[in-house]
Amino acid sequence: MPALVPSAYAARVVWLGYQPVPVEKLVITSVPLEVMPLSFAGFEGEVHAGLTRPSCSRVLKQHPRNTTIRNVRQLCVVSTEEMAEVARDMGLAAMDYAWVGASLVLEGIPDLTHLPPSSRLQGPDGVTLVVDMENLPCQEPAVTIEKALPGQGKGFKRAAEGKRGVTAWVEREGVLRLGDVMRLHLPAQRPWGPSRVE
């Protein structure tokens, strides 16, 4: 049996963007694109690109801060459906994907934020992204939204819990375009649990 199995789910690319190096602390934004060429280091020139990165607060229990580690956070992937829920819960008419630093916005995969780590998203030319894990809500989008819509940003972290999308890295180089369809491939293994082996 293969380790990864193509699922019945596919998603359409509805938005592409990249985050330049922020000019203001805590404020993020993504610049919209129509085409995104991806190398093994991610999208060239993007703030999260690179084969390695310095460790941050997310992995302090594993590595001292600023230790060089493999970069599995090259891309921020969110779903239109989940972002619509976040916007609704914040009382916004819509979510600007640039506010959340999105690299890739997909439509059509339910509960995208909870995809199993190591799932693959594969584009038409074979470009393949590996899901690292859930992207936990952080303060930067809240600050960005607050600057754009005074009085609205503070509700982001609570509204985005469990809906912030995932981080991913490039397993196979290629190009993504608006309108492309990406197929979801899932690990063919049962959920982990100590009680299953006792």
Protein backbone atom coordinates (compact mmCIF):
# COMPACT_ATOMS: atom_id res chain seq x y z
CA MET A 1 0.00 0.00 0.00
CA PRO A 2 1.38 3.47 -0.84
CA ALA A 3 2.32 5.79 2.01
CA LEU A 4 0.27 8.61 0.47
CA VAL A 5 -3.16 8.18 -1.07
CA PRO A 6 -4.88 10.61 -3.46
CA SER A 7 -8.13 11.72 -1.83
CA ALA A 8 -11.45 12.66 -3.38
CA TYR A 9 -10.78 16.28 -2.41
CA ALA A 10 -9.37 18.97 -4.61
CA ALA A 11 -9.21 22.73 -4.18
CA ARG A 12 -9.08 25.67 -6.56
CA VAL A 13 -6.41 28.34 -6.13
CA VAL A 14 -8.36 31.58 -5.67
CA TRP A 15 -5.58 33.86 -4.40
CA LEU A 16 -1.78 33.90 -4.46
CA GLY A 17 0.45 36.31 -2.59
CA TYR A 18 3.83 36.87 -1.06
CA GLN A 19 4.98 38.70 2.04
CA PRO A 20 7.83 41.12 1.44
CA VAL A 21 10.07 41.86 4.41
CA PRO A 22 7.83 43.95 6.69
CA VAL A 23 8.73 47.62 6.93
CA GLU A 24 6.88 48.02 10.20
CA LYS A 25 7.19 45.71 13.19
CA LEU A 26 4.22 43.39 13.74
CA VAL A 27 2.46 44.55 10.58
CA ILE A 28 2.15 42.03 7.75
CA THR A 29 0.72 42.14 4.28
CA SER A 30 0.78 39.94 1.23
CA VAL A 31 1.16 41.28 -2.30
CA PRO A 32 -1.26 39.58 -4.76
CA LEU A 33 0.18 37.52 -7.63
CA GLU A 34 -1.24 35.78 -10.67
CA VAL A 35 1.60 33.28 -10.99
CA MET A 36 3.83 31.84 -8.25
CA PRO A 37 6.99 29.96 -9.30
CA LEU A 38 8.13 27.77 -6.43
CA SER A 39 11.60 26.35 -5.84
CA PHE A 40 12.71 24.06 -3.04
CA ALA A 41 13.29 27.24 -1.02
CA GLY A 42 9.75 28.54 -1.57
CA PHE A 43 8.96 31.79 -3.38
CA GLU A 44 12.14 33.78 -4.04
CA GLY A 45 12.26 37.12 -2.23
CA GLU A 46 9.46 36.26 0.17
CA VAL A 47 10.06 36.85 3.89
CA HIS A 48 9.51 33.14 4.68
CA ALA A 49 11.54 31.74 1.78
CA GLY A 50 14.66 29.66 2.34
CA LEU A 51 15.78 26.10 2.86
CA THR A 52 16.50 26.86 6.50
CA ARG A 53 15.27 29.40 9.04
CA PRO A 54 16.13 30.53 12.56
CA SER A 55 14.03 28.76 15.19
CA CYS A 56 11.31 30.87 16.79
CA SER A 57 8.91 30.72 19.75
CA ARG A 58 6.94 27.87 18.11
CA VAL A 59 9.79 25.39 18.64
CA LEU A 60 11.51 26.68 21.80
CA LYS A 61 10.86 23.37 23.57
CA GLN A 62 12.95 21.67 20.86
CA HIS A 63 15.60 24.27 19.92
CA PRO A 64 17.10 27.40 21.49
CA ARG A 65 15.88 30.57 19.77
CA ASN A 66 17.71 31.43 16.50
CA THR A 67 19.06 27.90 16.00
CA THR A 68 19.26 27.11 12.28
CA ILE A 69 16.59 24.52 11.44
CA ARG A 70 14.91 23.17 8.29
CA ASN A 71 12.33 25.61 6.97
CA VAL A 72 8.94 23.90 6.91
CA ARG A 73 7.11 27.26 7.15
CA GLN A 74 7.76 28.51 3.60
CA LEU A 75 4.09 29.09 2.77
CA CYS A 76 0.92 30.09 4.61
CA VAL A 77 -2.09 28.22 3.20
CA VAL A 78 -5.64 29.27 4.16
CA SER A 79 -9.12 28.42 2.95
CA THR A 80 -11.81 30.75 1.66
CA GLU A 81 -14.40 28.92 3.73
CA GLU A 82 -12.52 29.25 7.02
CA MET A 83 -11.52 32.87 6.36
CA ALA A 84 -15.19 33.69 5.67
CA GLU A 85 -16.07 32.23 9.08
CA VAL A 86 -13.31 34.27 10.76
CA ALA A 87 -14.55 37.44 9.07
CA ARG A 88 -18.15 36.71 10.11
CA ASP A 89 -17.14 36.07 13.72
CA MET A 90 -15.24 39.37 13.74
CA GLY A 91 -18.18 41.26 12.27
CA LEU A 92 -16.33 42.00 9.02
CA ALA A 93 -17.90 41.95 5.57
CA ALA A 94 -14.93 39.97 4.21
CA MET A 95 -11.36 39.03 5.07
CA ASP A 96 -8.58 40.60 3.03
CA TYR A 97 -6.17 37.69 2.54
CA ALA A 98 -3.25 40.14 2.57
CA TRP A 99 -4.03 40.94 6.21
CA VAL A 100 -3.27 37.36 7.28
CA GLY A 101 -0.08 37.07 5.23
CA ALA A 102 -1.53 34.37 3.00
CA SER A 103 0.66 32.75 0.36
CA LEU A 104 -2.03 30.51 -1.05
CA VAL A 105 -5.82 30.63 -0.63
CA LEU A 106 -7.73 27.47 -1.56
CA GLU A 107 -11.43 26.83 -2.03
CA GLY A 108 -12.96 23.39 -1.66
CA ILE A 109 -11.20 21.47 1.14
CA PRO A 110 -13.30 21.28 4.32
CA ASP A 111 -11.52 21.83 7.66
CA LEU A 112 -8.26 22.69 5.90
CA THR A 113 -6.64 23.89 9.14
CA HIS A 114 -6.74 20.35 10.53
CA LEU A 115 -5.24 18.49 7.60
CA PRO A 116 -2.91 15.77 8.88
CA PRO A 117 0.75 16.79 8.90
CA SER A 118 2.57 15.38 5.85
CA SER A 119 -0.51 15.66 3.63
CA ARG A 120 0.33 16.80 0.11
CA LEU A 121 -1.30 19.41 -2.10
CA GLN A 122 -0.34 18.79 -5.73
CA GLY A 123 -0.83 21.21 -8.61
CA PRO A 124 -1.38 20.53 -12.34
CA ASP A 125 2.34 20.58 -13.29
CA GLY A 126 3.28 18.35 -10.36
CA VAL A 127 4.28 21.16 -7.99
CA THR A 128 3.78 19.66 -4.55
CA LEU A 129 3.43 21.24 -1.13
CA VAL A 130 3.82 19.28 2.11
CA VAL A 131 1.61 20.36 5.00
CA ASP A 132 3.68 20.95 8.12
CA MET A 133 1.00 21.68 10.72
CA GLU A 134 -1.70 24.06 11.87
CA ASN A 135 -0.70 27.71 11.72
CA LEU A 136 -1.72 29.04 15.13
CA PRO A 137 -3.23 32.54 15.25
CA CYS A 138 -0.67 35.23 16.11
CA GLN A 139 -0.70 38.93 16.86
CA GLU A 140 0.55 40.26 13.51
CA PRO A 141 -2.75 39.89 11.59
CA ALA A 142 -4.60 41.48 14.50
CA VAL A 143 -2.30 44.51 14.39
CA THR A 144 -2.58 44.70 10.59
CA ILE A 145 -6.39 44.52 10.68
CA GLU A 146 -6.50 47.11 13.45
CA LYS A 147 -4.50 49.53 11.31
CA ALA A 148 -6.81 48.96 8.34
CA LEU A 149 -10.06 48.93 10.36
CA PRO A 150 -9.62 50.66 13.74
CA GLY A 151 -11.43 48.81 16.50
CA GLN A 152 -11.73 45.53 14.56
CA GLY A 153 -8.35 43.83 14.93
CA LYS A 154 -8.49 42.71 18.53
CA GLY A 155 -10.97 39.93 17.81
CA PHE A 156 -8.75 38.13 15.29
CA LYS A 157 -6.92 35.65 17.51
CA ARG A 158 -10.09 34.34 19.14
CA ALA A 159 -12.04 34.20 15.87
CA ALA A 160 -9.18 32.48 14.00
CA GLU A 161 -8.63 29.64 16.50
CA GLY A 162 -8.78 26.40 14.55
CA LYS A 163 -9.28 28.29 11.26
CA ARG A 164 -5.91 29.95 10.59
CA GLY A 165 -4.81 27.45 7.96
CA VAL A 166 -1.56 25.51 7.74
CA THR A 167 2.08 26.10 6.96
CA ALA A 168 3.70 24.16 4.14
CA TRP A 169 6.98 23.61 2.30
CA VAL A 170 7.86 22.75 -1.29
CA GLU A 171 8.55 19.06 -1.98
CA ARG A 172 8.52 19.38 -5.79
CA GLU A 173 9.26 22.54 -7.70
CA GLY A 174 6.79 24.01 -10.16
CA VAL A 175 4.42 26.88 -10.78
CA LEU A 176 1.04 27.73 -9.29
CA ARG A 177 -1.45 29.94 -11.13
CA LEU A 178 -4.78 31.46 -10.18
CA GLY A 179 -7.51 28.97 -11.04
CA ASP A 180 -5.26 25.91 -10.74
CA VAL A 181 -6.75 22.86 -9.06
CA MET A 182 -4.69 21.15 -6.36
CA ARG A 183 -5.37 17.54 -5.40
CA LEU A 184 -5.17 16.55 -1.72
CA HIS A 185 -3.12 13.42 -0.92
CA LEU A 186 -3.35 11.98 2.60
CA PRO A 187 -0.98 9.81 4.65
CA ALA A 188 -2.21 6.21 4.67
CA GLN A 189 -1.83 5.56 8.39
CA ARG A 190 -4.11 5.31 11.37
CA PRO A 191 -4.18 8.16 13.93
CA TRP A 192 -1.45 7.88 16.57
CA GLY A 193 -2.36 6.98 20.14
CA PRO A 194 -0.54 5.19 22.99
CA SER A 195 -3.66 3.14 23.81
CA ARG A 196 -3.42 1.53 20.36
CA VAL A 197 -0.11 -0.17 21.16
CA GLU A 198 -0.57 -1.07 24.82
